[in-house]
Protein backbone atom coordinates (compact mmCIF):
# COMPACT_ATOMS: atom_id res chain seq x y z
CA UNK A 1 11.52 12.51 27.39
CA UNK A 2 14.13 10.81 29.50
CA UNK A 3 17.50 10.10 27.89
CA UNK A 4 18.28 6.29 27.49
CA UNK A 5 22.08 6.79 26.95
CA UNK A 6 24.79 9.32 25.69
CA UNK A 7 27.20 8.41 22.82
CA UNK A 8 29.85 9.97 20.48
CA UNK A 9 29.04 10.41 16.85
CA UNK A 10 30.94 8.51 14.08
CA UNK A 11 30.66 9.73 10.50
CA UNK A 12 30.16 6.69 8.17
CA UNK A 13 31.05 6.55 4.50
CA UNK A 14 27.93 5.57 3.03
CA UNK A 15 24.59 6.96 1.62
CA UNK A 16 21.57 5.03 2.76
CA UNK A 17 19.42 6.72 0.30
CA UNK A 18 16.12 8.48 1.19
CA UNK A 19 16.14 7.29 4.75
CA UNK A 20 17.75 8.89 7.75
CA UNK A 21 19.38 6.23 9.82
CA UNK A 22 21.27 5.87 12.85
CA UNK A 23 23.56 3.10 13.69
CA UNK A 24 23.68 1.80 17.25
CA UNK A 25 25.73 -0.83 18.82
CA UNK A 26 23.59 -4.02 18.93
CA UNK A 27 24.72 -5.14 22.30
CA UNK A 28 24.03 -1.86 23.68
CA UNK A 29 20.67 -1.42 21.79
CA UNK A 30 19.59 -4.78 23.24
CA UNK A 31 20.65 -3.50 27.00
CA UNK A 32 18.26 -0.56 26.44
CA UNK A 33 15.24 -2.46 24.61
CA UNK A 34 15.99 -0.84 21.27
CA UNK A 35 15.29 -2.95 18.25
CA UNK A 36 16.06 -2.65 14.42
CA UNK A 37 13.38 -0.50 12.66
CA UNK A 38 12.53 1.40 15.75
CA UNK A 39 12.62 5.11 15.76
CA UNK A 40 14.76 7.18 18.38
CA UNK A 41 15.48 10.62 19.13
CA UNK A 42 18.96 11.94 18.84
CA UNK A 43 19.32 15.25 20.63
CA UNK A 44 22.48 17.42 19.92
CA UNK A 45 22.54 20.93 21.75
CA UNK A 46 18.87 22.00 21.67
CA UNK A 47 17.70 20.17 18.68
CA UNK A 48 15.95 16.63 18.29
CA UNK A 49 16.46 14.49 15.19
CA UNK A 50 14.08 11.39 14.73
CA UNK A 51 15.90 8.84 13.11
CA UNK A 52 15.17 5.21 11.93
CA UNK A 53 17.33 2.55 13.97
CA UNK A 54 19.88 -0.02 12.43
CA UNK A 55 22.04 -2.14 14.51
CA UNK A 56 25.62 -3.17 14.08
CA UNK A 57 28.64 -4.49 16.24
CA UNK A 58 31.01 -3.91 13.56
CA UNK A 59 30.46 -0.28 12.32
CA UNK A 60 30.09 1.15 15.75
CA UNK A 61 31.39 0.24 19.45
CA UNK A 62 29.57 0.76 22.53
CA UNK A 63 28.90 4.48 23.55
CA UNK A 64 29.27 5.34 19.61
CA UNK A 65 26.43 6.04 17.07
CA UNK A 66 27.04 5.84 13.55
CA UNK A 67 25.59 8.68 11.20
CA UNK A 68 25.17 7.93 7.39
CA UNK A 69 26.12 10.70 4.97
CA UNK A 70 22.51 11.59 4.27
CA UNK A 71 22.12 12.43 8.02
CA UNK A 72 25.24 14.19 8.81
CA UNK A 73 25.08 16.56 5.74
CA UNK A 74 21.29 17.19 5.98
CA UNK A 75 21.80 18.31 9.53
CA UNK A 76 25.43 19.75 9.21
CA UNK A 77 26.77 17.23 12.31
CA UNK A 78 30.20 16.52 13.00
CA UNK A 79 32.36 13.79 14.01
CA UNK A 80 33.07 12.82 17.90
CA UNK A 81 30.23 15.08 19.31
CA UNK A 82 28.31 13.98 22.49
CA UNK A 83 24.51 13.28 21.73
CA UNK A 84 21.84 11.94 23.84
CA UNK A 85 19.54 9.12 22.47
CA UNK A 86 16.02 8.49 23.72
CA UNK A 87 12.90 6.85 22.48
CA UNK A 88 10.52 8.92 20.27
CA UNK A 89 7.08 9.70 21.41
CA UNK A 90 4.22 10.00 18.89
CA UNK A 91 1.99 12.94 19.51
CA UNK A 92 -1.20 11.35 21.24
CA UNK A 93 -3.35 13.97 19.52
CA UNK A 94 -2.01 12.83 16.22
CA UNK A 95 -2.96 9.25 17.07
CA UNK A 96 -6.40 10.12 18.28
CA UNK A 97 -6.84 12.13 14.88
CA UNK A 98 -5.83 9.11 12.70
CA UNK A 99 -8.22 6.97 14.60
CA UNK A 100 -10.85 9.42 13.98
CA UNK A 101 -10.15 9.61 10.27
CA UNK A 102 -10.09 5.71 10.03
CA UNK A 103 -13.52 5.83 11.66
CA UNK A 104 -14.83 7.89 8.76
CA UNK A 105 -15.32 11.13 10.58
CA UNK A 106 -13.85 14.20 9.13
CA UNK A 107 -10.91 16.17 10.66
CA UNK A 108 -10.79 19.84 11.25
CA UNK A 109 -7.49 21.63 10.09
CA UNK A 110 -5.61 21.42 13.47
CA UNK A 111 -6.16 17.68 13.51
CA UNK A 112 -5.03 17.30 9.78
CA UNK A 113 -2.02 19.45 10.70
CA UNK A 114 -1.02 17.44 13.71
CA UNK A 115 -0.93 14.04 11.57
CA UNK A 116 1.13 15.96 8.76
CA UNK A 117 3.52 17.31 11.30
CA UNK A 118 4.37 13.61 12.94
CA UNK A 119 4.52 12.17 9.43
CA UNK A 120 6.71 14.78 8.28
CA UNK A 121 9.09 14.86 11.22
CA UNK A 122 9.47 11.03 11.10
CA UNK A 123 7.49 10.44 14.31
CA UNK A 124 4.86 8.18 12.68
CA UNK A 125 6.01 4.71 11.74
CA UNK A 126 5.66 3.38 8.23
CA UNK A 127 2.80 1.45 9.53
CA UNK A 128 0.80 4.55 10.81
CA UNK A 129 1.76 6.65 7.77
CA UNK A 130 0.43 3.66 5.51
CA UNK A 131 -2.95 3.73 7.48
CA UNK A 132 -3.27 7.57 6.68
CA UNK A 133 -2.19 7.14 3.15
CA UNK A 134 -4.81 4.47 2.48
CA UNK A 135 -7.78 6.44 3.58
CA UNK A 136 -7.79 8.14 0.27
CA UNK A 137 -8.64 4.91 -1.40
CA UNK A 138 -11.86 4.19 0.54
CA UNK A 139 -13.14 7.63 1.96
CA UNK A 140 -13.65 10.52 -0.67
CA UNK A 141 -12.45 13.86 0.62
CA UNK A 142 -14.33 16.95 0.29
CA UNK A 143 -12.79 19.98 -1.61
CA UNK A 144 -12.31 21.48 1.77
CA UNK A 145 -10.53 18.71 3.28
CA UNK A 146 -8.11 18.59 0.33
CA UNK A 147 -7.42 22.23 0.85
CA UNK A 148 -6.69 21.73 4.54
CA UNK A 149 -4.44 18.84 3.71
CA UNK A 150 -2.42 20.53 1.00
CA UNK A 151 -2.21 23.75 3.27
CA UNK A 152 -1.12 21.43 6.49
CA UNK A 153 1.42 19.52 4.43
CA UNK A 154 2.86 22.77 2.97
CA UNK A 155 2.99 24.66 6.49
CA UNK A 156 4.70 21.72 8.42
CA UNK A 157 7.85 22.18 6.36
CA UNK A 158 10.14 24.75 5.03
CA UNK A 159 8.33 27.65 2.97
CA UNK A 160 9.82 29.57 0.27
CA UNK A 161 8.96 32.98 -1.29
CA UNK A 162 9.97 34.58 -4.37
CA UNK A 163 8.93 38.10 -5.56
CA UNK A 164 6.69 38.59 -8.42
CA UNK A 165 5.25 35.95 -11.02
CA UNK A 166 6.68 32.46 -9.95
CA UNK A 167 5.21 29.78 -12.42
CA UNK A 168 5.50 26.18 -12.41
CA UNK A 169 4.70 23.20 -14.57
CA UNK A 170 3.55 19.77 -13.14
CA UNK A 171 2.69 16.44 -15.09
CA UNK A 172 0.67 13.68 -13.10
CA UNK A 173 2.80 11.26 -14.96
CA UNK A 174 2.26 7.62 -15.84
CA UNK A 175 3.36 7.94 -19.41
CA UNK A 176 6.81 6.52 -20.31
CA UNK A 177 9.16 8.80 -21.74
CA UNK A 178 7.04 11.88 -21.20
CA UNK A 179 9.97 14.35 -20.04
CA UNK A 180 8.70 17.56 -21.01
CA UNK A 181 9.64 19.29 -17.76
CA UNK A 182 13.52 19.31 -18.79
CA UNK A 183 12.68 20.91 -22.03
CA UNK A 184 10.17 23.56 -20.55
CA UNK A 185 12.20 24.94 -17.60
CA UNK A 186 15.15 26.00 -19.70
CA UNK A 187 12.62 27.32 -22.60
CA UNK A 188 10.31 29.28 -20.28
CA UNK A 189 13.17 30.63 -17.95
CA UNK A 190 15.08 31.92 -21.13
CA UNK A 191 12.25 34.19 -21.58
CA UNK A 192 12.56 35.49 -17.92
CA UNK A 193 9.81 33.67 -16.30
CA UNK A 194 10.95 32.66 -12.84
CA UNK A 195 10.44 28.78 -12.31
CA UNK A 196 11.83 27.08 -9.21
CA UNK A 197 10.94 23.56 -9.93
CA UNK A 198 10.89 20.70 -7.50
CA UNK A 199 9.99 17.09 -8.24
CA UNK A 200 9.62 13.64 -6.64
CA UNK A 201 11.00 10.52 -7.72
CA UNK A 202 9.17 7.66 -9.83
CA UNK A 203 6.04 5.76 -8.60
CA UNK A 204 4.71 4.20 -11.50
CA UNK A 205 6.89 4.61 -14.57
CA UNK A 206 10.80 3.47 -14.91
CA UNK A 207 11.94 7.20 -14.46
CA UNK A 208 10.32 10.48 -13.59
CA UNK A 209 11.84 14.03 -13.78
CA UNK A 210 13.90 13.25 -10.56
CA UNK A 211 15.82 10.30 -11.91
CA UNK A 212 16.28 12.27 -15.43
CA UNK A 213 17.66 15.50 -14.04
CA UNK A 214 19.96 13.45 -11.63
CA UNK A 215 21.72 11.97 -14.94
CA UNK A 216 23.00 15.52 -15.67
CA UNK A 217 23.36 17.37 -12.28
CA UNK A 218 22.74 17.17 -8.56
CA UNK A 219 19.25 17.51 -7.31
CA UNK A 220 19.70 17.75 -3.53
CA UNK A 221 20.04 21.23 -2.25
CA UNK A 222 19.06 23.44 0.81
CA UNK A 223 16.53 25.93 1.07
CA UNK A 224 19.37 28.78 0.83
CA UNK A 225 20.91 26.92 -2.03
CA UNK A 226 17.65 26.92 -3.95
CA UNK A 227 17.16 30.64 -3.30
CA UNK A 228 20.64 31.17 -4.80
CA UNK A 229 20.13 29.18 -7.73
CA UNK A 230 16.70 31.13 -8.39
CA UNK A 231 18.60 34.28 -8.00
CA UNK A 232 21.26 33.33 -10.33
CA UNK A 233 19.48 31.53 -13.07
CA UNK A 234 15.68 32.43 -12.34
CA UNK A 235 15.15 28.81 -11.98
CA UNK A 236 16.10 25.44 -10.26
CA UNK A 237 15.47 21.82 -10.99
CA UNK A 238 15.78 20.07 -7.35
CA UNK A 239 14.29 17.08 -5.60
CA UNK A 240 11.61 18.11 -3.08
CA UNK A 241 12.75 15.41 -0.70
CA UNK A 242 16.22 16.85 -0.56
CA UNK A 243 14.89 19.62 1.87
CA UNK A 244 12.13 19.76 4.40
CA UNK A 245 9.60 20.82 1.66
CA UNK A 246 6.09 19.54 2.59
CA UNK A 247 8.14 16.57 4.30
CA UNK A 248 5.01 14.40 4.96
CA UNK A 249 4.61 14.06 1.11
CA UNK A 250 7.99 12.18 0.68
CA UNK A 251 6.89 9.77 3.61
CA UNK A 252 3.55 9.12 1.79
CA UNK A 253 4.91 8.53 -1.71
CA UNK A 254 7.53 5.94 -0.14
CA UNK A 255 4.90 3.78 1.43
CA UNK A 256 2.69 4.05 -1.78
CA UNK A 257 5.62 2.97 -3.80
CA UNK A 258 5.60 -0.99 -3.21
CA UNK A 259 2.02 -1.06 -4.91
CA UNK A 260 2.77 1.82 -7.22
CA UNK A 261 -0.43 3.10 -6.14
CA UNK A 262 -1.58 6.71 -4.78
CA UNK A 263 -5.23 7.67 -4.45
CA UNK A 264 -6.46 10.57 -6.69
CA UNK A 265 -7.26 12.88 -3.83
CA UNK A 266 -3.66 12.18 -2.26
CA UNK A 267 -2.21 13.09 -5.69
CA UNK A 268 -3.94 16.58 -5.64
CA UNK A 269 -2.80 17.19 -2.03
CA UNK A 270 0.72 16.04 -2.87
CA UNK A 271 1.15 18.39 -5.94
CA UNK A 272 -0.63 21.44 -4.63
CA UNK A 273 1.18 21.16 -1.11
CA UNK A 274 4.63 21.40 -2.89
CA UNK A 275 3.55 24.34 -5.09
CA UNK A 276 2.43 26.20 -2.18
CA UNK A 277 5.54 25.57 -0.09
CA UNK A 278 7.62 26.68 -3.07
CA UNK A 279 5.88 30.13 -3.09
CA UNK A 280 4.18 29.30 -6.68
CA UNK A 281 1.69 31.70 -7.67
CA UNK A 282 0.95 30.56 -11.53
CA UNK A 283 0.55 26.69 -12.03
CA UNK A 284 0.12 24.64 -15.13
CA UNK A 285 -1.09 20.88 -14.39
CA UNK A 286 -0.78 18.35 -17.02
CA UNK A 287 -3.13 15.48 -16.77
CA UNK A 288 -2.24 12.58 -19.37
CA UNK A 289 -5.09 10.67 -19.92
CA UNK A 290 -5.16 7.26 -21.48
CA UNK A 291 -5.89 3.31 -20.72
CA UNK A 292 -2.61 2.90 -19.21
CA UNK A 293 -1.88 6.28 -17.49
CA UNK A 294 -2.83 7.20 -13.83
CA UNK A 295 -5.93 8.88 -15.23
CA UNK A 296 -7.78 6.33 -17.45
CA UNK A 297 -10.83 8.43 -18.59
CA UNK A 298 -12.14 11.90 -19.19
CA UNK A 299 -14.43 11.70 -16.02
CA UNK A 300 -11.78 11.12 -13.94
CA UNK A 301 -9.73 13.77 -15.51
CA UNK A 302 -12.51 16.50 -15.26
CA UNK A 303 -12.91 15.50 -11.72
CA UNK A 304 -9.21 16.20 -10.82
CA UNK A 305 -9.15 19.30 -12.89
CA UNK A 306 -11.78 20.84 -10.56
CA UNK A 307 -10.10 19.71 -7.42
CA UNK A 308 -6.75 21.15 -8.81
CA UNK A 309 -8.32 24.62 -9.80
CA UNK A 310 -10.30 24.72 -6.29
CA UNK A 311 -7.27 23.93 -4.09
CA UNK A 312 -4.98 26.14 -6.17
CA UNK A 313 -7.41 29.09 -5.95
CA UNK A 314 -7.64 28.57 -2.19
CA UNK A 315 -3.91 28.60 -1.77
CA UNK A 316 -3.60 31.86 -3.78
CA UNK A 317 -2.58 30.28 -7.25
CA UNK A 318 -3.73 31.00 -10.75
CA UNK A 319 -4.08 27.46 -12.25
CA UNK A 320 -4.61 26.08 -15.65
CA UNK A 321 -5.04 22.27 -16.31
CA UNK A 322 -4.48 20.66 -19.47
CA UNK A 323 -5.91 17.39 -20.13
CA UNK A 324 -3.46 15.36 -22.75
CA UNK A 325 -3.75 12.41 -24.67
CA UNK A 326 -1.65 9.45 -23.44
CA UNK A 327 -2.54 6.35 -25.43
CA UNK A 328 1.38 5.39 -26.00
CA UNK A 329 4.74 6.35 -24.87
CA UNK A 330 6.29 9.70 -25.88
CA UNK A 331 9.72 9.83 -27.53
CA UNK A 332 12.10 6.95 -28.27
CA UNK A 333 13.61 6.15 -25.10
CA UNK A 334 12.40 4.85 -21.74
CA UNK A 335 14.48 5.09 -18.61
CA UNK A 336 16.43 7.79 -17.34
CA UNK A 337 19.52 7.99 -19.50
CA UNK A 338 17.57 7.28 -22.83
CA UNK A 339 14.91 9.75 -21.81
CA UNK A 340 17.62 12.56 -21.09
CA UNK A 341 19.06 11.70 -24.56
CA UNK A 342 15.88 12.45 -26.01
CA UNK A 343 15.61 15.91 -24.04
CA UNK A 344 18.88 16.84 -25.13
CA UNK A 345 18.28 16.10 -28.79
CA UNK A 346 15.17 18.31 -28.56
CA UNK A 347 17.17 21.19 -26.73
CA UNK A 348 19.92 20.78 -29.29
CA UNK A 349 17.54 20.47 -32.22
CA UNK A 350 19.20 17.30 -33.39
CA UNK A 351 17.91 15.85 -36.56
CA UNK A 352 16.87 12.52 -34.84
CA UNK A 353 14.80 14.37 -31.96
CA UNK A 354 11.51 13.00 -31.15
CA UNK A 355 8.94 15.30 -32.59
CA UNK A 356 6.01 14.14 -30.21
CA UNK A 357 8.05 15.02 -27.25
CA UNK A 358 9.02 18.36 -28.73
CA UNK A 359 5.53 19.24 -29.99
CA UNK A 360 4.03 18.35 -26.46
CA UNK A 361 6.76 20.57 -24.59
CA UNK A 362 6.09 23.33 -27.07
CA UNK A 363 2.61 23.18 -26.77
CA UNK A 364 2.57 23.17 -22.79
CA UNK A 365 5.15 25.94 -22.73
CA UNK A 366 2.75 28.20 -24.69
CA UNK A 367 0.06 27.47 -22.26
CA UNK A 368 2.54 28.95 -19.28
CA UNK A 369 3.25 32.13 -21.52
CA UNK A 370 -0.38 32.54 -21.72
CA UNK A 371 -0.94 32.09 -17.96
CA UNK A 372 1.80 34.54 -16.98
CA UNK A 373 0.40 37.03 -19.68
CA UNK A 374 3.37 37.35 -21.96
CA UNK A 375 1.52 36.41 -25.11
CA UNK A 376 -1.75 34.55 -26.23
CA UNK A 377 -2.69 31.85 -28.78
CA UNK A 378 -0.67 31.53 -31.82
CA UNK A 379 1.89 34.12 -30.80
CA UNK A 380 2.45 32.30 -27.48
CA UNK A 381 3.16 29.15 -29.55
CA UNK A 382 5.47 30.94 -31.72
CA UNK A 383 7.23 32.49 -28.90
CA UNK A 384 7.82 29.02 -27.31
CA UNK A 385 8.94 27.46 -30.55
CA UNK A 386 11.36 30.21 -31.38
CA UNK A 387 13.10 29.55 -28.01
CA UNK A 388 13.94 26.18 -29.23
CA UNK A 389 14.84 27.01 -32.61
CA UNK A 390 17.10 29.81 -31.83
CA UNK A 391 19.12 27.78 -29.31
CA UNK A 392 18.16 29.98 -26.26
CA UNK A 393 16.61 27.13 -24.56
CA UNK A 394 19.78 24.86 -25.00
CA UNK A 395 21.85 27.89 -23.80
CA UNK A 396 19.86 28.10 -20.68
CA UNK A 397 19.84 24.37 -20.18
CA UNK A 398 23.88 24.67 -20.01
CA UNK A 399 23.69 27.32 -17.61
CA UNK A 400 21.54 25.35 -15.18
CA UNK A 401 23.72 22.24 -15.49
CA UNK A 402 26.67 24.54 -14.71
CA UNK A 403 25.10 26.02 -11.73
CA UNK A 404 23.88 22.61 -10.26
């Protein structure tokens, strides 16, 4: 890969969001045939960083490149260091594999992994990523293909490992106000269950767990920081996109966002890949089913249940799937701040707490208690409820907030 030019880094005081952007002087970019929205490779020492291009004559001069806070913090880069800029090169094998998939042919594991690697490391353009994401809408994947996609997505990013029983709860979403995760994590970890929880951001509702947790605490942490949080509190509540955890997943979610759509097969892959990468070995999947939810009918819910169980087993997990009723919003608040208010009222056992949210959270928590073998049936439910009633869950939540 031939260098186009060398430049000195300039750290810019702004956050771009979820994009990794490099600012190049507009005139210098034109000299080298670089356009806005291109991707370039910035090389520093022996490491390549694939970044999206933005152009400006005001923010940077010739032979300077500007790095947003997202970039220099993620990659621990300093100011005034010399970097080389070159054009990115998509892996030819990944393009061939994508063409093969678009032609309706099945990919082997290595072909799938090549695509996931290029998406995850930002070498695929958004257009190519969209092509791959859309395949799930018109081509039904086999169970084996779903497993291989989840495995490849997980293995092309960072992988974490924790000793012993490592549990997780995931809700497919689509129900406004359904913020059970922020109740269940402190409740269950107060019982000594290890739960390193990651999440994505909202696709089909005003606020998902990511937006809600971020109201109270930071959600972006490195792999080492996550390991320290789990060691200290037996849990974490972190955004998966803040580290290279199944990195292709966040790219695929991003291109799905404008239409608020994601195919069922891709949903299974997305969820199970992140569980696999986080070292989860006991997983509860909540499938809300209702006319306006992501899953509208029992036939679809049962199809998904079998896929989750199959892929989870192949990835070495013990999986339990709950199909729950979703014919109306849960709780009395919609949107991140109001949903967090409802969560805190449940944890604090406030007189105005939403009982539908509390009941669902306690019920699902009892299923994880059963899954990990602490108790069964009525005793599991009573154990979960007592953690709320005694204040143990609220105390644990305060510890989590303080740590993050």
